[in-house]
Amino acid sequence: MSRMSESTEKSSSEQLTAKASEVGQGIRDIGTQVRGVAQEKAQQVRDQAEEYYNQGREKVTEASESLESYVREKPLQSVLIAAGVGMLLGILWKRS
């Protein structure tokens, strides 16, 4: 009977080892899939950030060009507005 129980124990141990190996491989496979999905999402975020950056850059360029053309069309008015804003900022800065 002892040989039979040793044989059964070895068989059970081998089965447990095999199951543990399967579970470990399953976990590694899931990790690989998660890493792949995370890399895809990170790439999407980078692409979206680059798109927002380019849009912002275009808007700033447009605003700059618009401001330049305004100053060229109305130089005296532009200087007076700049002086007024400078005075206002100076007063506010002096108060704080």
N, C-alpha and C. Protein backbone atom coordinates (compact mmCIF):
# COMPACT_ATOMS: atom_id res chain seq x y z
N MET A 1 0.81 -1.18 0.00
CA MET A 1 0.00 0.00 0.00
C MET A 1 0.86 1.26 0.00
N SER A 2 2.00 1.18 0.58
CA SER A 2 2.84 2.37 0.66
C SER A 2 3.37 2.74 -0.70
N ARG A 3 3.66 1.74 -1.55
CA ARG A 3 4.12 2.06 -2.90
C ARG A 3 3.01 2.74 -3.69
N MET A 4 1.82 2.31 -3.50
CA MET A 4 0.69 2.90 -4.21
C MET A 4 0.48 4.34 -3.75
N SER A 5 0.61 4.58 -2.45
CA SER A 5 0.41 5.93 -1.96
C SER A 5 1.55 6.83 -2.41
N GLU A 6 2.79 6.31 -2.49
CA GLU A 6 3.92 7.08 -3.01
C GLU A 6 3.68 7.43 -4.47
N SER A 7 3.19 6.47 -5.21
CA SER A 7 2.90 6.69 -6.62
C SER A 7 1.82 7.73 -6.80
N THR A 8 0.79 7.66 -5.96
CA THR A 8 -0.30 8.63 -6.01
C THR A 8 0.22 10.03 -5.64
N GLU A 9 1.09 10.10 -4.63
CA GLU A 9 1.65 11.38 -4.20
C GLU A 9 2.50 11.99 -5.31
N LYS A 10 3.32 11.16 -5.98
CA LYS A 10 4.14 11.66 -7.07
C LYS A 10 3.27 12.16 -8.21
N SER A 11 2.22 11.39 -8.49
CA SER A 11 1.31 11.79 -9.56
C SER A 11 0.63 13.11 -9.22
N SER A 12 0.18 13.24 -7.99
CA SER A 12 -0.47 14.48 -7.55
C SER A 12 0.51 15.64 -7.59
N SER A 13 1.73 15.38 -7.15
CA SER A 13 2.76 16.41 -7.14
C SER A 13 3.08 16.85 -8.57
N GLU A 14 3.18 15.89 -9.47
CA GLU A 14 3.45 16.21 -10.87
C GLU A 14 2.30 17.00 -11.48
N GLN A 15 1.08 16.62 -11.11
CA GLN A 15 -0.08 17.34 -11.63
C GLN A 15 -0.10 18.78 -11.12
N LEU A 16 0.22 18.93 -9.83
CA LEU A 16 0.27 20.28 -9.26
C LEU A 16 1.36 21.12 -9.92
N THR A 17 2.50 20.50 -10.15
CA THR A 17 3.59 21.21 -10.82
C THR A 17 3.18 21.62 -12.23
N ALA A 18 2.53 20.73 -12.93
CA ALA A 18 2.07 21.03 -14.29
C ALA A 18 1.05 22.14 -14.27
N LYS A 19 0.11 22.08 -13.33
CA LYS A 19 -0.92 23.14 -13.22
C LYS A 19 -0.27 24.47 -12.88
N ALA A 20 0.67 24.45 -11.95
CA ALA A 20 1.36 25.69 -11.57
C ALA A 20 2.09 26.27 -12.78
N SER A 21 2.70 25.41 -13.58
CA SER A 21 3.39 25.86 -14.78
C SER A 21 2.41 26.48 -15.77
N GLU A 22 1.24 25.85 -15.93
CA GLU A 22 0.21 26.39 -16.83
C GLU A 22 -0.27 27.75 -16.35
N VAL A 23 -0.51 27.85 -15.04
CA VAL A 23 -0.98 29.12 -14.47
C VAL A 23 0.08 30.20 -14.67
N GLY A 24 1.34 29.84 -14.42
CA GLY A 24 2.43 30.80 -14.62
C GLY A 24 2.50 31.27 -16.05
N GLN A 25 2.37 30.35 -17.00
CA GLN A 25 2.40 30.73 -18.41
C GLN A 25 1.21 31.62 -18.76
N GLY A 26 0.04 31.30 -18.19
CA GLY A 26 -1.14 32.13 -18.41
C GLY A 26 -0.93 33.55 -17.91
N ILE A 27 -0.32 33.65 -16.75
CA ILE A 27 -0.05 34.98 -16.18
C ILE A 27 0.94 35.74 -17.06
N ARG A 28 1.97 35.05 -17.55
CA ARG A 28 2.93 35.70 -18.45
C ARG A 28 2.24 36.17 -19.73
N ASP A 29 1.35 35.35 -20.26
CA ASP A 29 0.62 35.73 -21.48
C ASP A 29 -0.25 36.96 -21.24
N ILE A 30 -0.93 36.98 -20.11
CA ILE A 30 -1.77 38.14 -19.77
C ILE A 30 -0.90 39.39 -19.62
N GLY A 31 0.27 39.23 -18.97
CA GLY A 31 1.19 40.36 -18.82
C GLY A 31 1.63 40.90 -20.16
N THR A 32 1.91 40.01 -21.09
CA THR A 32 2.31 40.43 -22.43
C THR A 32 1.19 41.20 -23.12
N GLN A 33 -0.03 40.70 -22.98
CA GLN A 33 -1.18 41.38 -23.59
C GLN A 33 -1.40 42.75 -22.97
N VAL A 34 -1.29 42.83 -21.64
CA VAL A 34 -1.48 44.11 -20.95
C VAL A 34 -0.41 45.10 -21.39
N ARG A 35 0.84 44.64 -21.50
CA ARG A 35 1.92 45.51 -21.95
C ARG A 35 1.63 46.03 -23.36
N GLY A 36 1.14 45.17 -24.22
CA GLY A 36 0.83 45.58 -25.59
C GLY A 36 -0.26 46.63 -25.62
N VAL A 37 -1.31 46.42 -24.84
CA VAL A 37 -2.41 47.39 -24.78
C VAL A 37 -1.91 48.72 -24.20
N ALA A 38 -1.09 48.64 -23.16
CA ALA A 38 -0.57 49.86 -22.55
C ALA A 38 0.30 50.64 -23.53
N GLN A 39 1.10 49.94 -24.31
CA GLN A 39 1.94 50.61 -25.30
C GLN A 39 1.09 51.27 -26.38
N GLU A 40 0.02 50.61 -26.80
CA GLU A 40 -0.88 51.20 -27.80
C GLU A 40 -1.53 52.47 -27.25
N LYS A 41 -2.01 52.40 -26.00
CA LYS A 41 -2.66 53.56 -25.39
C LYS A 41 -1.66 54.70 -25.21
N ALA A 42 -0.43 54.38 -24.81
CA ALA A 42 0.58 55.41 -24.64
C ALA A 42 0.87 56.09 -25.98
N GLN A 43 0.92 55.32 -27.04
CA GLN A 43 1.16 55.89 -28.36
C GLN A 43 -0.01 56.80 -28.77
N GLN A 44 -1.23 56.38 -28.46
CA GLN A 44 -2.40 57.21 -28.77
C GLN A 44 -2.34 58.52 -28.01
N VAL A 45 -1.94 58.45 -26.74
CA VAL A 45 -1.84 59.67 -25.92
C VAL A 45 -0.77 60.59 -26.49
N ARG A 46 0.37 60.03 -26.87
CA ARG A 46 1.44 60.86 -27.47
C ARG A 46 0.97 61.50 -28.76
N ASP A 47 0.28 60.73 -29.59
CA ASP A 47 -0.23 61.29 -30.86
C ASP A 47 -1.22 62.42 -30.61
N GLN A 48 -2.12 62.22 -29.63
CA GLN A 48 -3.11 63.24 -29.30
C GLN A 48 -2.42 64.49 -28.75
N ALA A 49 -1.43 64.30 -27.89
CA ALA A 49 -0.70 65.44 -27.33
C ALA A 49 0.02 66.22 -28.43
N GLU A 50 0.60 65.50 -29.37
CA GLU A 50 1.28 66.16 -30.48
C GLU A 50 0.30 66.96 -31.32
N GLU A 51 -0.88 66.39 -31.52
CA GLU A 51 -1.91 67.09 -32.29
C GLU A 51 -2.35 68.37 -31.59
N TYR A 52 -2.57 68.28 -30.27
CA TYR A 52 -2.95 69.47 -29.50
C TYR A 52 -1.84 70.52 -29.53
N TYR A 53 -0.61 70.07 -29.44
CA TYR A 53 0.53 71.00 -29.48
C TYR A 53 0.56 71.74 -30.81
N ASN A 54 0.39 70.99 -31.89
CA ASN A 54 0.42 71.62 -33.22
C ASN A 54 -0.74 72.59 -33.40
N GLN A 55 -1.92 72.22 -32.90
CA GLN A 55 -3.07 73.14 -32.99
C GLN A 55 -2.81 74.41 -32.20
N GLY A 56 -2.27 74.27 -31.00
CA GLY A 56 -1.95 75.44 -30.18
C GLY A 56 -0.92 76.32 -30.84
N ARG A 57 0.07 75.69 -31.42
CA ARG A 57 1.11 76.43 -32.11
C ARG A 57 0.54 77.21 -33.29
N GLU A 58 -0.37 76.60 -34.04
CA GLU A 58 -1.01 77.30 -35.16
C GLU A 58 -1.81 78.50 -34.67
N LYS A 59 -2.54 78.32 -33.56
CA LYS A 59 -3.36 79.42 -33.03
C LYS A 59 -2.48 80.57 -32.58
N VAL A 60 -1.36 80.26 -31.93
CA VAL A 60 -0.45 81.32 -31.48
C VAL A 60 0.14 82.04 -32.68
N THR A 61 0.49 81.31 -33.70
CA THR A 61 1.03 81.93 -34.92
C THR A 61 0.00 82.85 -35.55
N GLU A 62 -1.24 82.38 -35.63
CA GLU A 62 -2.31 83.20 -36.20
C GLU A 62 -2.53 84.47 -35.38
N ALA A 63 -2.53 84.32 -34.03
CA ALA A 63 -2.73 85.48 -33.16
C ALA A 63 -1.59 86.47 -33.33
N SER A 64 -0.39 85.96 -33.43
CA SER A 64 0.79 86.81 -33.61
C SER A 64 0.70 87.59 -34.93
N GLU A 65 0.33 86.91 -35.98
CA GLU A 65 0.20 87.56 -37.29
C GLU A 65 -0.92 88.60 -37.27
N SER A 66 -2.01 88.27 -36.59
CA SER A 66 -3.12 89.19 -36.49
C SER A 66 -2.71 90.46 -35.72
N LEU A 67 -1.97 90.26 -34.64
CA LEU A 67 -1.51 91.39 -33.84
C LEU A 67 -0.53 92.25 -34.64
N GLU A 68 0.34 91.61 -35.37
CA GLU A 68 1.29 92.35 -36.21
C GLU A 68 0.57 93.20 -37.23
N SER A 69 -0.42 92.62 -37.89
CA SER A 69 -1.14 93.38 -38.92
C SER A 69 -1.91 94.53 -38.29
N TYR A 70 -2.45 94.34 -37.09
CA TYR A 70 -3.17 95.42 -36.40
C TYR A 70 -2.21 96.56 -36.08
N VAL A 71 -1.01 96.20 -35.58
CA VAL A 71 -0.03 97.24 -35.24
C VAL A 71 0.41 97.98 -36.49
N ARG A 72 0.57 97.28 -37.61
CA ARG A 72 0.97 97.94 -38.85
C ARG A 72 -0.13 98.88 -39.36
N GLU A 73 -1.40 98.47 -39.19
CA GLU A 73 -2.51 99.29 -39.67
C GLU A 73 -2.75 100.50 -38.77
N LYS A 74 -2.60 100.33 -37.47
CA LYS A 74 -2.90 101.41 -36.52
C LYS A 74 -1.76 101.55 -35.50
N PRO A 75 -0.63 102.11 -35.91
CA PRO A 75 0.52 102.18 -35.01
C PRO A 75 0.31 103.08 -33.79
N LEU A 76 -0.31 104.24 -33.97
CA LEU A 76 -0.50 105.16 -32.85
C LEU A 76 -1.44 104.55 -31.81
N GLN A 77 -2.53 104.00 -32.28
CA GLN A 77 -3.49 103.37 -31.38
C GLN A 77 -2.83 102.21 -30.62
N SER A 78 -1.98 101.45 -31.29
CA SER A 78 -1.29 100.31 -30.68
C SER A 78 -0.35 100.78 -29.57
N VAL A 79 0.38 101.86 -29.83
CA VAL A 79 1.30 102.39 -28.82
C VAL A 79 0.52 102.89 -27.61
N LEU A 80 -0.59 103.58 -27.84
CA LEU A 80 -1.39 104.09 -26.71
C LEU A 80 -2.00 102.95 -25.90
N ILE A 81 -2.45 101.90 -26.57
CA ILE A 81 -3.01 100.74 -25.85
C ILE A 81 -1.91 100.07 -25.02
N ALA A 82 -0.73 99.90 -25.61
CA ALA A 82 0.38 99.28 -24.89
C ALA A 82 0.77 100.12 -23.68
N ALA A 83 0.79 101.44 -23.83
CA ALA A 83 1.13 102.32 -22.71
C ALA A 83 0.08 102.21 -21.61
N GLY A 84 -1.18 102.18 -21.99
CA GLY A 84 -2.26 102.05 -21.00
C GLY A 84 -2.18 100.73 -20.25
N VAL A 85 -1.94 99.66 -20.95
CA VAL A 85 -1.81 98.35 -20.30
C VAL A 85 -0.60 98.35 -19.37
N GLY A 86 0.50 98.93 -19.81
CA GLY A 86 1.70 99.01 -18.98
C GLY A 86 1.45 99.79 -17.71
N MET A 87 0.73 100.93 -17.83
CA MET A 87 0.39 101.72 -16.65
C MET A 87 -0.49 100.95 -15.69
N LEU A 88 -1.49 100.29 -16.23
CA LEU A 88 -2.41 99.50 -15.40
C LEU A 88 -1.67 98.40 -14.66
N LEU A 89 -0.80 97.69 -15.35
CA LEU A 89 -0.03 96.63 -14.70
C LEU A 89 0.90 97.21 -13.64
N GLY A 90 1.51 98.36 -13.93
CA GLY A 90 2.38 99.01 -12.96
C GLY A 90 1.62 99.39 -11.69
N ILE A 91 0.42 99.91 -11.84
CA ILE A 91 -0.40 100.28 -10.67
C ILE A 91 -0.78 99.03 -9.87
N LEU A 92 -1.19 98.00 -10.57
CA LEU A 92 -1.57 96.77 -9.87
C LEU A 92 -0.37 96.13 -9.16
N TRP A 93 0.79 96.20 -9.78
CA TRP A 93 1.97 95.59 -9.20
C TRP A 93 2.42 96.38 -7.96
N LYS A 94 2.30 97.70 -8.04
CA LYS A 94 2.70 98.56 -6.93
C LYS A 94 1.82 98.32 -5.71
N ARG A 95 0.55 98.03 -5.91
CA ARG A 95 -0.40 97.79 -4.82
C ARG A 95 -0.09 96.48 -4.07
N SER A 96 0.35 95.49 -4.79
CA SER A 96 0.58 94.20 -4.14
C SER A 96 1.98 94.13 -3.65
